[in-house]
């Protein structure tokens, strides 16, 4: 913890007489937090009050006087409270801007203070204080000449065939059967989660593929395949599930609850024979075109896993000496943002909705540890990006949105509107920047390739659902910054974390 403090007089710069002559005292209670005390001298308050009354007097309407003709002292007495509030807000915002733009720290959040409780004094200086989260200060680690290993793989026809069958099963509903359920079947289920006899959540008539594990954002039924194999329509199964530590509902973290599963239907899909009708339904003219689609999807997933493995090696090396502490509030607030960023990365990399849900559910169950590491990586990669003036342009944003749109089966226009509405354009920006920095580092590294057939899993082991076992109302922060794609707007958010 850094207990150092500094006091800086921020005078009006030459040619900018509108700036205030203020003093700021900054303490560093931790690596990513600054406590700031700002003093606005009495002279500045007096000057601002005089100007405010000068502007008001010609418009002042007091009984017994024509508009603008009331004595100044009477105007000041009558309207003092309103003018003082106006001046307070003006001095507060102007001085705050000068402090945050002074270069003494790089803010990553809004200042934490309550403007309503701050008062403008009638005598003496105007003094207020706030805390603010900042990027930690550190020396850029040496990133040139790293020894990296890059996994590669060439897909065989058998691998493409297996992935093709999995692709078809995503778009086709099986035929109901009276047989006992087996791995790979489609089950229509009712699920109920209870704690000491009280139902905490339920899911009705959800269709899942029977796999070894059933995944939720805050838990997983690890024996799902074993539990449901052999079950028939109309039967029920019961088990217990442990809620993860990262659950949004704090009352249920690390708690074990009861699960009841009712089997409504068992269905089975035969994808060995590709009918013309099924191909038409999926939008393909023949099997060859479908295989080309599958091959491209696999290649994008391969590139994603290559990039993630290179990123893992790079960030492990660069963050090994990153000792700065991260405030709990910052980690908690950024957890949802990090999940959003990861979701965008997966969507643009050719993963289907089922795969995205499973990986996102895993992240949610380990949200705190994942976010701490992600923030440390972000701070270092962002600093390298600034040093090399790496900033996304409009074409790069459009390319990312196009990739997401292709996988989401939505128009780029709708994808952009959704990202802007939910405040995820900052997350997209960081995603592009971090990828470019990893490419910069990889280009300066000593890279050796090795074949890794496990880059694409043989068979998925889990089926993922969006439903939380112990749901809670999530506080998703609103977007605080505009997301215009002009260079000036993008650069203005360079210090933000998303």
Protein backbone atom coordinates (compact mmCIF):
# COMPACT_ATOMS: atom_id res chain seq x y z
CA UNK A 1 0.00 0.00 0.00
CA UNK A 2 1.30 3.42 -1.00
CA UNK A 3 0.80 6.00 1.76
CA UNK A 4 2.48 8.78 -0.20
CA UNK A 5 0.63 12.01 -0.88
CA UNK A 6 1.22 14.96 -3.15
CA UNK A 7 -0.22 18.44 -3.31
CA UNK A 8 -0.37 20.21 -6.64
CA UNK A 9 -1.46 23.73 -7.52
CA UNK A 10 -3.31 23.62 -10.82
CA UNK A 11 -3.08 27.16 -12.22
CA UNK A 12 -4.79 28.45 -15.28
CA UNK A 13 -2.74 27.56 -18.31
CA UNK A 14 -1.52 30.39 -20.53
CA UNK A 15 -4.23 31.34 -22.99
CA UNK A 16 -6.99 29.62 -20.98
CA UNK A 17 -8.13 32.24 -18.42
CA UNK A 18 -11.38 30.32 -17.87
CA UNK A 19 -9.51 27.66 -15.88
CA UNK A 20 -9.55 27.77 -12.10
CA UNK A 21 -6.58 28.23 -9.79
CA UNK A 22 -7.12 25.25 -7.53
CA UNK A 23 -5.09 22.99 -5.28
CA UNK A 24 -5.38 19.20 -5.16
CA UNK A 25 -3.94 16.83 -2.57
CA UNK A 26 -3.79 13.19 -3.68
CA UNK A 27 -3.27 10.15 -1.45
CA UNK A 28 -2.75 6.58 -2.70
CA UNK A 29 -4.45 4.18 -0.26
CA UNK A 30 -3.90 1.34 -2.74
CA UNK A 31 -2.53 0.72 -6.23
CA UNK A 32 -5.82 1.34 -8.00
CA UNK A 33 -7.44 3.94 -5.71
CA UNK A 34 -6.73 7.63 -5.23
CA UNK A 35 -8.20 9.83 -2.49
CA UNK A 36 -8.34 13.42 -3.68
CA UNK A 37 -8.96 16.64 -1.72
CA UNK A 38 -9.64 19.67 -3.93
CA UNK A 39 -9.47 23.28 -2.71
CA UNK A 40 -11.07 26.10 -4.71
CA UNK A 41 -9.83 29.45 -3.29
CA UNK A 42 -12.27 32.10 -2.05
CA UNK A 43 -11.22 34.43 -4.87
CA UNK A 44 -12.52 31.96 -7.44
CA UNK A 45 -15.84 31.61 -5.59
CA UNK A 46 -16.25 35.38 -5.36
CA UNK A 47 -15.48 35.81 -9.05
CA UNK A 48 -17.95 33.09 -10.04
CA UNK A 49 -20.70 34.48 -7.77
CA UNK A 50 -20.22 37.99 -9.15
CA UNK A 51 -20.44 36.78 -12.73
CA UNK A 52 -23.57 34.72 -11.94
CA UNK A 53 -25.32 37.74 -10.41
CA UNK A 54 -24.17 39.95 -13.31
CA UNK A 55 -25.85 37.49 -15.67
CA UNK A 56 -28.97 37.22 -13.51
CA UNK A 57 -29.68 40.86 -12.64
CA UNK A 58 -30.95 41.98 -16.11
CA UNK A 59 -33.49 39.14 -15.94
CA UNK A 60 -34.42 39.35 -12.25
CA UNK A 61 -38.15 39.80 -11.61
CA UNK A 62 -38.90 41.16 -8.10
CA UNK A 63 -42.20 42.62 -6.88
CA UNK A 64 -42.24 46.45 -7.03
CA UNK A 65 -39.49 46.69 -9.65
CA UNK A 66 -39.39 46.47 -13.39
CA UNK A 67 -37.54 43.41 -14.71
CA UNK A 68 -33.82 44.05 -14.46
CA UNK A 69 -34.16 47.23 -12.35
CA UNK A 70 -34.09 45.75 -8.82
CA UNK A 71 -31.11 46.80 -6.65
CA UNK A 72 -28.23 44.35 -6.83
CA UNK A 73 -28.14 43.74 -3.07
CA UNK A 74 -31.83 42.84 -3.13
CA UNK A 75 -31.27 40.48 -6.07
CA UNK A 76 -28.37 38.85 -4.23
CA UNK A 77 -30.46 38.38 -1.09
CA UNK A 78 -33.47 37.02 -2.97
CA UNK A 79 -31.64 34.59 -5.25
CA UNK A 80 -28.56 33.70 -3.20
CA UNK A 81 -29.46 30.05 -2.59
CA UNK A 82 -30.23 29.33 -6.24
CA UNK A 83 -27.11 31.11 -7.48
CA UNK A 84 -24.92 29.44 -4.86
CA UNK A 85 -26.17 26.00 -5.97
CA UNK A 86 -25.50 26.88 -9.58
CA UNK A 87 -22.00 28.16 -8.81
CA UNK A 88 -21.27 25.13 -6.64
CA UNK A 89 -22.11 22.75 -9.47
CA UNK A 90 -20.11 24.79 -11.98
CA UNK A 91 -17.00 25.03 -9.77
CA UNK A 92 -17.28 21.36 -8.84
CA UNK A 93 -17.47 20.13 -12.42
CA UNK A 94 -14.79 22.50 -13.70
CA UNK A 95 -12.31 21.74 -10.92
CA UNK A 96 -13.02 18.03 -11.16
CA UNK A 97 -12.27 18.10 -14.86
CA UNK A 98 -8.99 19.95 -14.26
CA UNK A 99 -7.88 17.41 -11.66
CA UNK A 100 -8.77 14.33 -13.68
CA UNK A 101 -7.14 15.76 -16.83
CA UNK A 102 -4.00 16.95 -15.06
CA UNK A 103 -2.10 13.74 -15.78
CA UNK A 104 -1.58 12.89 -12.11
CA UNK A 105 -3.52 9.65 -12.56
CA UNK A 106 -5.48 7.77 -15.23
CA UNK A 107 -9.07 7.28 -14.11
CA UNK A 108 -10.96 4.09 -14.93
CA UNK A 109 -14.22 4.99 -13.18
CA UNK A 110 -16.30 7.99 -12.22
CA UNK A 111 -15.38 9.89 -9.01
CA UNK A 112 -17.15 8.57 -5.93
CA UNK A 113 -18.91 11.42 -4.10
CA UNK A 114 -22.42 12.65 -3.37
CA UNK A 115 -22.94 16.02 -5.02
CA UNK A 116 -26.08 16.63 -2.95
CA UNK A 117 -24.21 16.73 0.38
CA UNK A 118 -21.45 19.05 -0.85
CA UNK A 119 -22.13 22.69 0.09
CA UNK A 120 -20.60 25.95 -1.10
CA UNK A 121 -19.37 27.87 1.99
CA UNK A 122 -20.37 31.49 2.53
CA UNK A 123 -16.89 32.22 3.82
CA UNK A 124 -13.49 30.67 3.18
CA UNK A 125 -12.36 28.24 0.50
CA UNK A 126 -14.52 25.59 -1.16
CA UNK A 127 -13.08 22.19 -0.19
CA UNK A 128 -14.43 18.81 -1.27
CA UNK A 129 -13.01 15.29 -1.52
CA UNK A 130 -13.61 12.08 -3.44
CA UNK A 131 -12.14 8.66 -4.19
CA UNK A 132 -11.57 7.40 -7.70
CA UNK A 133 -10.36 4.14 -9.23
CA UNK A 134 -7.28 4.51 -11.40
CA UNK A 135 -4.98 2.45 -13.51
CA UNK A 136 -2.04 1.28 -11.43
CA UNK A 137 1.39 2.72 -12.15
CA UNK A 138 4.04 0.23 -13.21
CA UNK A 139 6.94 -0.16 -15.59
CA UNK A 140 6.06 -1.78 -18.90
CA UNK A 141 7.41 -5.34 -18.80
CA UNK A 142 9.82 -6.46 -21.50
CA UNK A 143 7.69 -8.15 -24.15
CA UNK A 144 10.09 -8.53 -27.04
CA UNK A 145 11.72 -11.85 -27.88
CA UNK A 146 9.44 -14.11 -25.83
CA UNK A 147 9.63 -17.86 -26.52
CA UNK A 148 6.12 -18.98 -27.47
CA UNK A 149 4.59 -22.25 -28.64
CA UNK A 150 1.68 -22.09 -31.08
CA UNK A 151 -0.68 -25.06 -31.45
CA UNK A 152 -1.72 -25.93 -35.02
CA UNK A 153 -3.90 -28.61 -36.55
CA UNK A 154 -5.18 -29.73 -39.95
CA UNK A 155 -8.67 -31.17 -39.83
CA UNK A 156 -9.27 -34.63 -41.21
CA UNK A 157 -12.41 -35.60 -43.10
CA UNK A 158 -13.50 -37.69 -40.11
CA UNK A 159 -13.25 -34.65 -37.84
CA UNK A 160 -15.28 -32.57 -40.29
CA UNK A 161 -17.92 -35.32 -40.48
CA UNK A 162 -18.22 -35.48 -36.69
CA UNK A 163 -18.58 -31.72 -36.44
CA UNK A 164 -21.10 -31.75 -39.28
CA UNK A 165 -23.32 -34.15 -37.32
CA UNK A 166 -23.08 -31.97 -34.22
CA UNK A 167 -23.99 -28.96 -36.37
CA UNK A 168 -27.08 -30.71 -37.73
CA UNK A 169 -28.21 -31.73 -34.25
CA UNK A 170 -28.32 -28.04 -33.28
CA UNK A 171 -30.87 -27.28 -35.95
CA UNK A 172 -32.98 -30.43 -35.95
CA UNK A 173 -35.46 -31.87 -33.47
CA UNK A 174 -35.43 -35.63 -32.97
CA UNK A 175 -38.35 -38.01 -33.07
CA UNK A 176 -39.99 -39.00 -29.78
CA UNK A 177 -39.16 -42.58 -28.74
CA UNK A 178 -40.32 -44.95 -26.01
CA UNK A 179 -36.77 -46.19 -25.44
CA UNK A 180 -34.63 -45.47 -22.39
CA UNK A 181 -32.57 -42.30 -22.74
CA UNK A 182 -28.92 -42.54 -23.77
CA UNK A 183 -26.09 -40.07 -24.28
CA UNK A 184 -26.83 -37.89 -27.31
CA UNK A 185 -30.62 -38.06 -27.01
CA UNK A 186 -32.72 -34.92 -26.78
CA UNK A 187 -34.68 -34.72 -23.52
CA UNK A 188 -37.62 -32.47 -22.73
CA UNK A 189 -37.37 -31.80 -19.00
CA UNK A 190 -38.96 -30.01 -16.06
CA UNK A 191 -36.39 -29.01 -13.41
CA UNK A 192 -37.09 -27.83 -9.87
CA UNK A 193 -34.50 -26.58 -7.37
CA UNK A 194 -35.37 -26.53 -3.66
CA UNK A 195 -33.75 -25.58 -0.38
CA UNK A 196 -35.21 -27.17 2.75
CA UNK A 197 -38.46 -27.82 0.91
CA UNK A 198 -38.78 -24.28 -0.49
CA UNK A 199 -38.60 -23.93 -4.28
CA UNK A 200 -35.92 -21.38 -5.25
CA UNK A 201 -36.23 -21.75 -9.03
CA UNK A 202 -37.68 -23.98 -11.74
CA UNK A 203 -37.43 -24.54 -15.49
CA UNK A 204 -40.37 -25.96 -17.43
CA UNK A 205 -40.20 -28.01 -20.64
CA UNK A 206 -36.64 -27.19 -21.57
CA UNK A 207 -35.04 -29.29 -24.31
CA UNK A 208 -31.47 -30.41 -23.64
CA UNK A 209 -29.06 -32.89 -25.15
CA UNK A 210 -28.13 -35.66 -22.75
CA UNK A 211 -24.43 -35.22 -22.00
CA UNK A 212 -22.30 -36.14 -18.99
CA UNK A 213 -22.79 -32.69 -17.40
CA UNK A 214 -25.62 -30.15 -17.30
CA UNK A 215 -24.24 -26.62 -16.81
CA UNK A 216 -25.85 -23.52 -15.29
CA UNK A 217 -24.38 -20.04 -14.70
CA UNK A 218 -24.01 -20.76 -10.96
CA UNK A 219 -23.81 -24.57 -10.72
CA UNK A 220 -23.46 -27.79 -12.66
CA UNK A 221 -24.94 -31.27 -12.36
CA UNK A 222 -21.74 -33.22 -12.95
CA UNK A 223 -23.47 -36.63 -12.93
CA UNK A 224 -26.24 -35.60 -15.31
CA UNK A 225 -25.45 -38.21 -17.97
CA UNK A 226 -25.24 -41.02 -15.45
CA UNK A 227 -28.38 -39.83 -13.66
CA UNK A 228 -30.60 -39.61 -16.76
CA UNK A 229 -29.23 -42.50 -18.82
CA UNK A 230 -31.90 -45.20 -18.79
CA UNK A 231 -34.71 -42.79 -17.86
CA UNK A 232 -37.96 -42.95 -19.82
CA UNK A 233 -40.78 -40.56 -20.54
CA UNK A 234 -42.79 -39.85 -17.38
CA UNK A 235 -39.99 -40.81 -14.95
CA UNK A 236 -38.27 -38.58 -12.41
CA UNK A 237 -34.75 -38.37 -11.04
CA UNK A 238 -33.40 -36.52 -7.99
CA UNK A 239 -29.95 -35.32 -6.98
CA UNK A 240 -28.18 -32.46 -5.23
CA UNK A 241 -26.16 -29.60 -6.68
CA UNK A 242 -23.73 -27.18 -5.05
CA UNK A 243 -24.08 -23.47 -5.87
CA UNK A 244 -20.84 -21.80 -6.95
CA UNK A 245 -18.99 -19.16 -4.97
CA UNK A 246 -19.55 -16.70 -7.82
CA UNK A 247 -23.35 -16.91 -7.59
CA UNK A 248 -25.07 -13.49 -7.75
CA UNK A 249 -27.35 -14.53 -4.90
CA UNK A 250 -24.98 -14.28 -1.93
CA UNK A 251 -27.37 -16.21 0.37
CA UNK A 252 -26.81 -19.40 -1.65
CA UNK A 253 -23.07 -19.26 -2.35
CA UNK A 254 -21.40 -22.64 -1.71
CA UNK A 255 -24.75 -24.07 -0.59
CA UNK A 256 -26.07 -27.49 -1.62
CA UNK A 257 -29.68 -27.63 -2.86
CA UNK A 258 -32.05 -30.38 -4.05
CA UNK A 259 -32.84 -30.98 -7.72
CA UNK A 260 -35.86 -32.83 -9.11
CA UNK A 261 -35.87 -33.68 -12.83
CA UNK A 262 -39.05 -34.86 -14.59
CA UNK A 263 -38.63 -36.43 -18.03
CA UNK A 264 -41.41 -35.17 -20.31
CA UNK A 265 -40.08 -36.67 -23.53
CA UNK A 266 -37.15 -38.63 -24.95
CA UNK A 267 -36.32 -37.85 -28.59
CA UNK A 268 -33.65 -39.25 -30.89
CA UNK A 269 -32.10 -37.69 -33.98
CA UNK A 270 -30.59 -39.62 -36.89
CA UNK A 271 -28.28 -37.33 -38.82
CA UNK A 272 -26.53 -40.03 -40.81
CA UNK A 273 -28.87 -39.51 -43.77
CA UNK A 274 -29.03 -35.94 -45.06
CA UNK A 275 -32.39 -35.37 -46.71
CA UNK A 276 -32.85 -32.68 -49.36
CA UNK A 277 -35.58 -31.19 -47.19
CA UNK A 278 -33.23 -30.79 -44.21
CA UNK A 279 -30.55 -29.16 -46.38
CA UNK A 280 -33.13 -26.74 -47.80
CA UNK A 281 -34.34 -25.97 -44.28
CA UNK A 282 -30.80 -25.08 -43.22
CA UNK A 283 -30.18 -22.95 -46.33
CA UNK A 284 -27.67 -25.24 -48.13
CA UNK A 285 -27.96 -26.49 -51.70
CA UNK A 286 -25.98 -29.70 -51.19
CA UNK A 287 -23.76 -31.63 -48.76
CA UNK A 288 -20.58 -30.08 -50.18
CA UNK A 289 -21.76 -26.56 -49.34
CA UNK A 290 -22.67 -27.68 -45.80
CA UNK A 291 -19.20 -29.20 -45.35
CA UNK A 292 -17.60 -25.94 -46.49
CA UNK A 293 -19.62 -24.09 -43.83
CA UNK A 294 -18.51 -26.57 -41.17
CA UNK A 295 -14.88 -26.31 -42.30
CA UNK A 296 -14.93 -22.50 -42.00
CA UNK A 297 -16.58 -22.70 -38.57
CA UNK A 298 -13.93 -25.15 -37.35
CA UNK A 299 -11.13 -22.99 -38.72
CA UNK A 300 -12.43 -19.91 -36.88
CA UNK A 301 -12.65 -21.90 -33.66
CA UNK A 302 -9.11 -23.18 -34.23
CA UNK A 303 -7.81 -19.63 -34.71
CA UNK A 304 -9.56 -18.55 -31.52
CA UNK A 305 -7.96 -21.36 -29.50
CA UNK A 306 -4.57 -20.56 -31.04
CA UNK A 307 -4.95 -16.92 -30.06
CA UNK A 308 -6.09 -17.84 -26.55
CA UNK A 309 -3.13 -20.14 -26.03
CA UNK A 310 -0.67 -17.50 -27.26
CA UNK A 311 -2.43 -14.91 -25.11
CA UNK A 312 -2.18 -17.21 -22.08
CA UNK A 313 1.57 -17.60 -22.55
CA UNK A 314 2.11 -13.88 -23.20
CA UNK A 315 0.04 -12.64 -20.27
CA UNK A 316 1.46 -15.22 -17.90
CA UNK A 317 4.91 -13.82 -18.64
CA UNK A 318 3.88 -10.17 -18.56
CA UNK A 319 1.82 -10.37 -15.34
CA UNK A 320 4.21 -12.52 -13.29
CA UNK A 321 5.48 -9.40 -11.49
CA UNK A 322 2.13 -7.56 -11.42
CA UNK A 323 1.68 -7.15 -7.68
CA UNK A 324 -0.84 -4.30 -7.66
CA UNK A 325 -3.98 -4.88 -5.61
CA UNK A 326 -7.43 -4.60 -7.16
CA UNK A 327 -10.32 -3.13 -5.12
CA UNK A 328 -13.13 -5.58 -4.40
CA UNK A 329 -15.74 -3.15 -5.76
CA UNK A 330 -13.81 -2.81 -9.02
CA UNK A 331 -13.59 -6.59 -9.45
CA UNK A 332 -17.26 -7.07 -8.66
CA UNK A 333 -18.36 -4.34 -11.05
CA UNK A 334 -16.13 -5.51 -13.88
CA UNK A 335 -17.10 -9.20 -13.63
CA UNK A 336 -20.18 -8.72 -15.80
CA UNK A 337 -18.24 -6.54 -18.24
CA UNK A 338 -15.54 -9.20 -18.59
CA UNK A 339 -18.16 -11.86 -19.28
CA UNK A 340 -19.67 -9.62 -21.95
CA UNK A 341 -16.25 -9.16 -23.55
CA UNK A 342 -15.61 -12.91 -23.54
CA UNK A 343 -19.04 -13.54 -25.06
CA UNK A 344 -18.30 -11.14 -27.93
CA UNK A 345 -14.96 -12.83 -28.53
CA UNK A 346 -16.59 -16.27 -28.69
CA UNK A 347 -19.39 -15.11 -30.97
CA UNK A 348 -17.00 -13.58 -33.50
CA UNK A 349 -14.86 -16.75 -33.42
CA UNK A 350 -17.45 -19.16 -34.82
CA UNK A 351 -18.75 -20.81 -31.65
CA UNK A 352 -22.42 -21.75 -31.64
CA UNK A 353 -24.86 -20.69 -28.94
CA UNK A 354 -24.52 -23.99 -27.06
CA UNK A 355 -20.73 -23.71 -26.89
CA UNK A 356 -20.90 -20.04 -25.88
CA UNK A 357 -23.34 -20.81 -23.05
CA UNK A 358 -21.12 -23.55 -21.67
CA UNK A 359 -17.94 -21.44 -21.68
CA UNK A 360 -19.75 -18.40 -20.28
CA UNK A 361 -21.34 -20.51 -17.53
CA UNK A 362 -17.88 -21.75 -16.55
CA UNK A 363 -16.65 -18.16 -16.42
CA UNK A 364 -19.58 -17.07 -14.28
CA UNK A 365 -18.89 -19.83 -11.77
CA UNK A 366 -15.31 -18.56 -11.49
CA UNK A 367 -16.05 -14.89 -12.02
CA UNK A 368 -13.87 -13.33 -9.31
CA UNK A 369 -10.61 -15.13 -10.11
CA UNK A 370 -11.20 -14.69 -13.85
CA UNK A 371 -11.87 -10.96 -13.50
CA UNK A 372 -8.81 -10.30 -11.33
CA UNK A 373 -6.55 -11.93 -13.90
CA UNK A 374 -8.36 -10.24 -16.81
CA UNK A 375 -7.94 -6.79 -15.22
CA UNK A 376 -4.22 -7.30 -14.64
CA UNK A 377 -3.83 -8.39 -18.25
CA UNK A 378 -5.90 -5.46 -19.49
CA UNK A 379 -3.86 -2.83 -17.63
CA UNK A 380 -0.60 -4.15 -19.09
CA UNK A 381 -1.88 -4.67 -22.64
CA UNK A 382 -3.58 -1.25 -22.61
CA UNK A 383 -0.31 0.42 -21.58
CA UNK A 384 1.55 -1.26 -24.44
CA UNK A 385 -1.25 -0.18 -26.79
CA UNK A 386 -0.90 3.46 -25.68
CA UNK A 387 2.87 3.39 -26.08
CA UNK A 388 2.44 2.12 -29.66
CA UNK A 389 -0.63 4.25 -30.41
CA UNK A 390 -2.82 1.24 -31.12
CA UNK A 391 -6.47 2.30 -31.42
CA UNK A 392 -9.28 0.64 -33.41
CA UNK A 393 -10.66 2.38 -36.48
CA UNK A 394 -14.19 2.29 -37.87
CA UNK A 395 -13.35 -0.50 -40.34
CA UNK A 396 -12.12 -2.77 -37.54
CA UNK A 397 -15.31 -2.20 -35.56
CA UNK A 398 -17.37 -3.05 -38.64
CA UNK A 399 -15.39 -6.25 -39.26
CA UNK A 400 -15.96 -7.42 -35.68
CA UNK A 401 -19.66 -6.65 -35.83
CA UNK A 402 -19.94 -8.51 -39.13
CA UNK A 403 -18.37 -11.66 -37.65
CA UNK A 404 -20.69 -11.54 -34.64
CA UNK A 405 -23.67 -11.03 -36.94
CA UNK A 406 -22.76 -14.05 -39.07
CA UNK A 407 -22.64 -16.35 -36.07
CA UNK A 408 -25.70 -14.84 -34.38
CA UNK A 409 -27.84 -14.92 -37.54
CA UNK A 410 -28.71 -11.25 -37.00
CA UNK A 411 -28.07 -8.23 -39.20
CA UNK A 412 -24.95 -6.12 -38.47
CA UNK A 413 -27.26 -3.15 -37.91
CA UNK A 414 -29.14 -4.99 -35.15
CA UNK A 415 -25.90 -6.22 -33.58
CA UNK A 416 -24.51 -2.67 -33.48
CA UNK A 417 -27.74 -1.31 -31.98
CA UNK A 418 -27.70 -4.00 -29.29
CA UNK A 419 -24.05 -3.34 -28.41
CA UNK A 420 -24.62 0.40 -28.17
CA UNK A 421 -27.79 0.01 -26.10
CA UNK A 422 -26.14 -2.34 -23.60
CA UNK A 423 -22.90 -0.36 -23.37
CA UNK A 424 -20.76 -3.12 -24.86
CA UNK A 425 -18.97 -1.03 -27.49
CA UNK A 426 -16.23 -0.31 -24.93
CA UNK A 427 -15.87 -4.07 -24.43
CA UNK A 428 -15.58 -4.49 -28.21
CA UNK A 429 -12.92 -1.77 -28.31
CA UNK A 430 -10.84 -3.46 -25.64
CA UNK A 431 -11.23 -6.80 -27.38
CA UNK A 432 -9.84 -5.40 -30.64
CA UNK A 433 -6.98 -3.57 -28.91
CA UNK A 434 -5.91 -6.52 -26.78
CA UNK A 435 -5.89 -8.81 -29.82
CA UNK A 436 -3.75 -6.32 -31.76
CA UNK A 437 -1.28 -6.04 -28.86
CA UNK A 438 -1.02 -9.84 -28.64
CA UNK A 439 -0.33 -9.89 -32.39
CA UNK A 440 2.36 -7.22 -31.92
CA UNK A 441 4.02 -9.23 -29.15
CA UNK A 442 3.71 -12.50 -31.08
CA UNK A 443 5.29 -10.85 -34.13
CA UNK A 444 8.33 -9.94 -32.03
CA UNK A 445 8.52 -13.37 -30.34
CA UNK A 446 10.30 -16.62 -31.15
CA UNK A 447 7.34 -18.83 -32.07
CA UNK A 448 7.51 -22.57 -32.63
CA UNK A 449 4.51 -24.61 -33.87
CA UNK A 450 3.32 -28.00 -32.66
CA UNK A 451 0.39 -30.16 -33.70
CA UNK A 452 -2.42 -30.37 -31.14
CA UNK A 453 -5.42 -32.49 -32.21
CA UNK A 454 -7.16 -31.59 -28.95
CA UNK A 455 -7.66 -28.01 -30.06
CA UNK A 456 -11.19 -29.08 -31.04
CA UNK A 457 -12.84 -31.42 -28.53
CA UNK A 458 -13.91 -34.82 -29.81
CA UNK A 459 -17.35 -34.59 -28.25
CA UNK A 460 -18.87 -31.91 -26.02
CA UNK A 461 -19.11 -33.11 -22.43
CA UNK A 462 -21.61 -30.56 -21.12
CA UNK A 463 -24.91 -29.04 -22.15
CA UNK A 464 -25.43 -25.45 -20.94
CA UNK A 465 -28.55 -23.60 -19.87
CA UNK A 466 -28.88 -19.85 -19.25
CA UNK A 467 -31.10 -20.33 -16.20
CA UNK A 468 -29.49 -19.68 -12.81
CA UNK A 469 -30.22 -22.22 -10.06
CA UNK A 470 -30.32 -19.46 -7.41
CA UNK A 471 -31.27 -16.35 -9.40
CA UNK A 472 -30.83 -12.81 -8.14
CA UNK A 473 -31.47 -9.41 -9.67
CA UNK A 474 -28.20 -8.51 -11.38
CA UNK A 475 -26.93 -4.95 -11.22
CA UNK A 476 -25.66 -4.39 -14.75
CA UNK A 477 -24.08 -0.95 -14.98
CA UNK A 478 -25.44 1.45 -17.56
CA UNK A 479 -23.12 2.70 -20.27
CA UNK A 480 -21.58 5.95 -19.07
CA UNK A 481 -19.80 6.92 -22.25
CA UNK A 482 -20.81 7.56 -25.83
CA UNK A 483 -19.72 4.91 -28.29
CA UNK A 484 -19.28 6.97 -31.43
CA UNK A 485 -16.74 5.29 -33.69
CA UNK A 486 -14.87 8.48 -34.55
CA UNK A 487 -11.22 8.47 -33.53
CA UNK A 488 -11.72 11.29 -31.03
CA UNK A 489 -14.51 9.48 -29.19
CA UNK A 490 -12.60 6.20 -29.13
CA UNK A 491 -9.51 7.86 -27.72
CA UNK A 492 -11.52 9.61 -25.03
CA UNK A 493 -12.44 6.25 -23.50
CA UNK A 494 -8.91 4.85 -23.62
CA UNK A 495 -8.60 4.87 -19.86
CA UNK A 496 -11.80 2.94 -19.19
CA UNK A 497 -12.01 -0.69 -18.24
CA UNK A 498 -14.65 -2.89 -19.87
